[in-house]
Amino acid sequence: LVSFIVSGVLAYATGSYWALACGTVLTPVLLLTMSFTLVPYRPRLTLVEWRTFSSFLGWLSAGQVISALTWQIDLLVLGWAMAKPAVGRFTIADNLSALPSQILMTPIVGPLSVSLSLVKDDPPRLQTAYLQLMSMVALTGFPTLTGLALLAEPFVHVALGPAWGNAGEILRWLALAGIPALLWTPFNTLALATKRS
């Protein structure tokens, strides 16, 4: 959401498509600056808790590398194979399709993942907590992405204007493709909570 707002402000101010790239680069810098301004913290390197993290650090790091590649591979391939306007429409549709996950799923999954960690040694309670997490994700994510898919073209027209052409059609398919991915979020949280990433 922050990236979308920063890119939108830059696009409005400059009128250039480079605002998308600048917004993508500036957003993490802006969030980092805000974070250290609100909660000053000077990190220092220590290996005191190394044993706690060593068991899943390798898998988590490998998973992050694979996740980063799969997250951006479509843009790399499209950038090589298609014209810039088509890649721009796909990129904006991709960013819009991620909004429900960023706005709804992240605030839901964060606190509920703590509940999984608290009951990880009690299998019946862990199962109940996991099913509640899955239900919450399904209850909020499935209808939201389905609604976004159904209203994709009017949403793009209202939010971005008619100049974005067929970004609504792309958004429709990306929103529908995001529905099965919702099932991964609770499973990943369960794996992390039980230290079996």
Protein backbone atom coordinates (compact mmCIF):
# COMPACT_ATOMS: atom_id res chain seq x y z
CA LEU A 1 0.00 0.00 0.00
CA VAL A 2 2.82 2.39 0.88
CA SER A 3 4.57 1.59 -2.41
CA PHE A 4 1.33 2.27 -4.29
CA ILE A 5 0.89 5.64 -2.54
CA VAL A 6 4.53 6.70 -3.04
CA SER A 7 4.42 5.67 -6.71
CA GLY A 8 1.12 7.50 -7.17
CA VAL A 9 2.42 10.71 -5.62
CA LEU A 10 5.60 10.54 -7.71
CA ALA A 11 3.62 9.78 -10.88
CA TYR A 12 1.31 12.73 -10.23
CA ALA A 13 4.23 15.06 -9.48
CA THR A 14 6.48 13.99 -12.36
CA GLY A 15 4.10 12.55 -14.96
CA SER A 16 6.70 9.89 -15.74
CA TYR A 17 6.48 6.09 -15.72
CA TRP A 18 9.79 6.12 -13.81
CA ALA A 19 7.67 6.89 -10.75
CA LEU A 20 6.87 3.15 -10.52
CA ALA A 21 10.53 2.23 -10.26
CA CYS A 22 11.33 5.10 -7.90
CA GLY A 23 8.36 4.23 -5.69
CA THR A 24 9.52 0.63 -5.47
CA VAL A 25 13.02 1.73 -4.41
CA LEU A 26 11.98 4.59 -2.11
CA THR A 27 9.30 2.68 -0.17
CA PRO A 28 11.67 0.45 1.85
CA VAL A 29 13.90 3.46 2.56
CA LEU A 30 10.89 5.47 3.74
CA LEU A 31 9.63 2.61 5.94
CA LEU A 32 13.10 2.09 7.42
CA THR A 33 13.43 5.80 8.20
CA MET A 34 9.97 5.91 9.79
CA SER A 35 10.71 2.79 11.84
CA PHE A 36 13.95 4.14 13.29
CA THR A 37 12.34 7.53 13.89
CA LEU A 38 9.39 6.10 15.81
CA VAL A 39 11.37 3.44 17.71
CA PRO A 40 15.07 4.29 17.84
CA TYR A 41 17.15 1.13 17.98
CA ARG A 42 20.80 0.52 17.38
CA PRO A 43 21.27 -3.12 16.46
CA ARG A 44 24.44 -4.93 17.43
CA LEU A 45 25.73 -8.27 16.27
CA THR A 46 25.60 -11.04 18.86
CA LEU A 47 25.61 -14.82 18.65
CA VAL A 48 23.99 -15.44 22.05
CA GLU A 49 20.83 -16.94 20.50
CA TRP A 50 22.58 -18.75 17.65
CA ARG A 51 21.31 -22.21 18.64
CA THR A 52 17.72 -21.00 18.55
CA PHE A 53 18.03 -19.79 14.97
CA SER A 54 20.51 -22.28 13.51
CA SER A 55 17.95 -25.07 13.19
CA PHE A 56 15.80 -23.27 10.65
CA LEU A 57 18.07 -20.50 9.38
CA GLY A 58 19.29 -22.52 6.39
CA TRP A 59 15.83 -23.52 5.20
CA LEU A 60 14.44 -20.07 5.84
CA SER A 61 17.25 -18.41 3.88
CA ALA A 62 16.86 -20.83 0.98
CA GLY A 63 13.10 -20.30 1.05
CA GLN A 64 13.54 -16.53 0.94
CA VAL A 65 15.86 -16.75 -2.07
CA ILE A 66 13.40 -18.98 -3.93
CA SER A 67 10.50 -16.75 -2.88
CA ALA A 68 12.29 -13.62 -4.14
CA LEU A 69 13.00 -15.27 -7.48
CA THR A 70 9.46 -16.54 -7.96
CA TRP A 71 8.06 -13.18 -6.86
CA GLN A 72 9.97 -11.28 -9.56
CA ILE A 73 10.49 -13.85 -12.32
CA ASP A 74 7.32 -12.82 -14.14
CA LEU A 75 8.52 -9.22 -14.40
CA LEU A 76 11.95 -10.33 -15.61
CA VAL A 77 10.45 -12.53 -18.32
CA LEU A 78 7.84 -9.96 -19.34
CA GLY A 79 10.47 -7.20 -19.42
CA TRP A 80 12.49 -9.26 -21.84
CA ALA A 81 9.57 -10.44 -23.99
CA MET A 82 7.09 -7.54 -24.09
CA ALA A 83 6.92 -3.80 -24.64
CA LYS A 84 7.28 -1.42 -21.70
CA PRO A 85 3.61 -0.31 -21.63
CA ALA A 86 2.44 -3.92 -21.31
CA VAL A 87 4.94 -4.57 -18.51
CA GLY A 88 3.74 -1.39 -16.78
CA ARG A 89 0.10 -2.51 -16.95
CA PHE A 90 1.05 -5.93 -15.58
CA THR A 91 3.12 -4.39 -12.78
CA ILE A 92 0.36 -2.07 -11.63
CA ALA A 93 -2.19 -4.91 -11.80
CA ASP A 94 0.18 -7.13 -9.83
CA ASN A 95 0.60 -4.44 -7.16
CA LEU A 96 -3.16 -3.94 -6.94
CA SER A 97 -3.79 -7.68 -6.65
CA ALA A 98 -1.41 -7.80 -3.66
CA LEU A 99 -3.32 -5.09 -1.76
CA PRO A 100 -5.89 -7.42 -0.13
CA SER A 101 -3.12 -9.62 1.18
CA GLN A 102 -1.14 -6.66 2.53
CA ILE A 103 -4.15 -4.88 4.02
CA LEU A 104 -6.11 -7.85 5.39
CA MET A 105 -3.89 -10.92 5.70
CA THR A 106 -0.80 -9.42 7.33
CA PRO A 107 -2.70 -7.89 10.30
CA ILE A 108 -4.67 -11.13 10.76
CA VAL A 109 -1.86 -13.64 10.40
CA GLY A 110 0.64 -11.79 12.61
CA PRO A 111 -1.23 -12.02 15.93
CA LEU A 112 -2.69 -15.44 15.15
CA SER A 113 0.76 -16.85 14.41
CA VAL A 114 1.68 -16.01 18.00
CA SER A 115 -1.21 -18.18 19.16
CA LEU A 116 0.21 -21.08 17.14
CA SER A 117 3.57 -20.64 18.85
CA LEU A 118 1.96 -20.64 22.29
CA VAL A 119 0.19 -23.98 21.75
CA LYS A 120 2.81 -25.75 19.62
CA ASP A 121 3.37 -28.42 22.29
CA ASP A 122 -0.33 -29.28 22.61
CA PRO A 123 -1.41 -31.01 19.34
CA PRO A 124 -5.22 -30.73 19.83
CA ARG A 125 -5.02 -27.02 20.66
CA LEU A 126 -2.50 -26.48 17.82
CA GLN A 127 -4.89 -28.14 15.38
CA THR A 128 -7.78 -25.99 16.60
CA ALA A 129 -5.70 -22.80 16.40
CA TYR A 130 -4.48 -23.69 12.90
CA LEU A 131 -8.02 -24.38 11.67
CA GLN A 132 -9.16 -21.06 13.14
CA LEU A 133 -6.32 -19.30 11.35
CA MET A 134 -7.21 -21.05 8.09
CA SER A 135 -10.88 -20.12 8.57
CA MET A 136 -10.02 -16.47 9.18
CA VAL A 137 -7.81 -16.34 6.09
CA ALA A 138 -10.52 -18.01 3.99
CA LEU A 139 -13.29 -15.82 5.42
CA THR A 140 -11.50 -12.60 4.57
CA GLY A 141 -9.25 -13.50 1.64
CA PHE A 142 -11.48 -15.56 -0.65
CA PRO A 143 -14.38 -13.07 -0.90
CA THR A 144 -12.04 -10.09 -1.13
CA LEU A 145 -10.03 -11.51 -4.03
CA THR A 146 -13.18 -12.79 -5.73
CA GLY A 147 -14.77 -9.34 -5.41
CA LEU A 148 -11.61 -7.71 -6.74
CA ALA A 149 -11.66 -10.09 -9.71
CA LEU A 150 -15.32 -9.30 -10.43
CA LEU A 151 -14.83 -5.54 -10.13
CA ALA A 152 -11.31 -5.32 -11.56
CA GLU A 153 -12.04 -3.16 -14.61
CA PRO A 154 -14.22 -0.56 -12.84
CA PHE A 155 -11.73 -0.50 -9.95
CA VAL A 156 -8.80 0.24 -12.27
CA HIS A 157 -10.84 2.82 -14.17
CA VAL A 158 -11.78 4.67 -10.95
CA ALA A 159 -8.43 4.28 -9.18
CA LEU A 160 -6.07 4.90 -12.09
CA GLY A 161 -8.14 6.34 -14.91
CA PRO A 162 -8.89 5.14 -18.42
CA ALA A 163 -5.29 5.49 -19.59
CA TRP A 164 -4.34 2.18 -17.98
CA GLY A 165 -6.13 0.24 -20.70
CA ASN A 166 -6.44 -3.47 -20.07
CA ALA A 167 -4.81 -3.47 -16.62
CA GLY A 168 -8.26 -4.39 -15.28
CA GLU A 169 -8.32 -7.61 -17.28
CA ILE A 170 -4.85 -8.49 -16.00
CA LEU A 171 -5.92 -7.63 -12.45
CA ARG A 172 -8.91 -9.97 -12.77
CA TRP A 173 -6.71 -12.96 -13.55
CA LEU A 174 -4.07 -12.08 -10.97
CA ALA A 175 -6.72 -11.74 -8.24
CA LEU A 176 -8.13 -15.16 -9.13
CA ALA A 177 -4.62 -16.63 -9.19
CA GLY A 178 -4.06 -15.26 -5.69
CA ILE A 179 -6.89 -17.31 -4.17
CA PRO A 180 -4.99 -20.65 -4.01
CA ALA A 181 -1.96 -18.81 -2.63
CA LEU A 182 -4.01 -17.88 0.46
CA LEU A 183 -3.77 -21.51 1.57
CA TRP A 184 0.01 -21.19 1.81
CA THR A 185 -0.02 -18.37 4.37
CA PRO A 186 -1.41 -20.38 7.33
CA PHE A 187 0.72 -23.40 6.44
CA ASN A 188 3.89 -21.34 6.37
CA THR A 189 2.95 -19.82 9.73
CA LEU A 190 2.38 -23.30 11.18
CA ALA A 191 5.76 -24.47 9.92
CA LEU A 192 7.52 -21.50 11.50
CA ALA A 193 5.62 -21.84 14.80
CA THR A 194 6.58 -25.51 15.12
CA LYS A 195 10.18 -24.83 14.00
CA ARG A 196 9.75 -27.10 10.99
CA SER A 197 10.29 -24.58 8.20
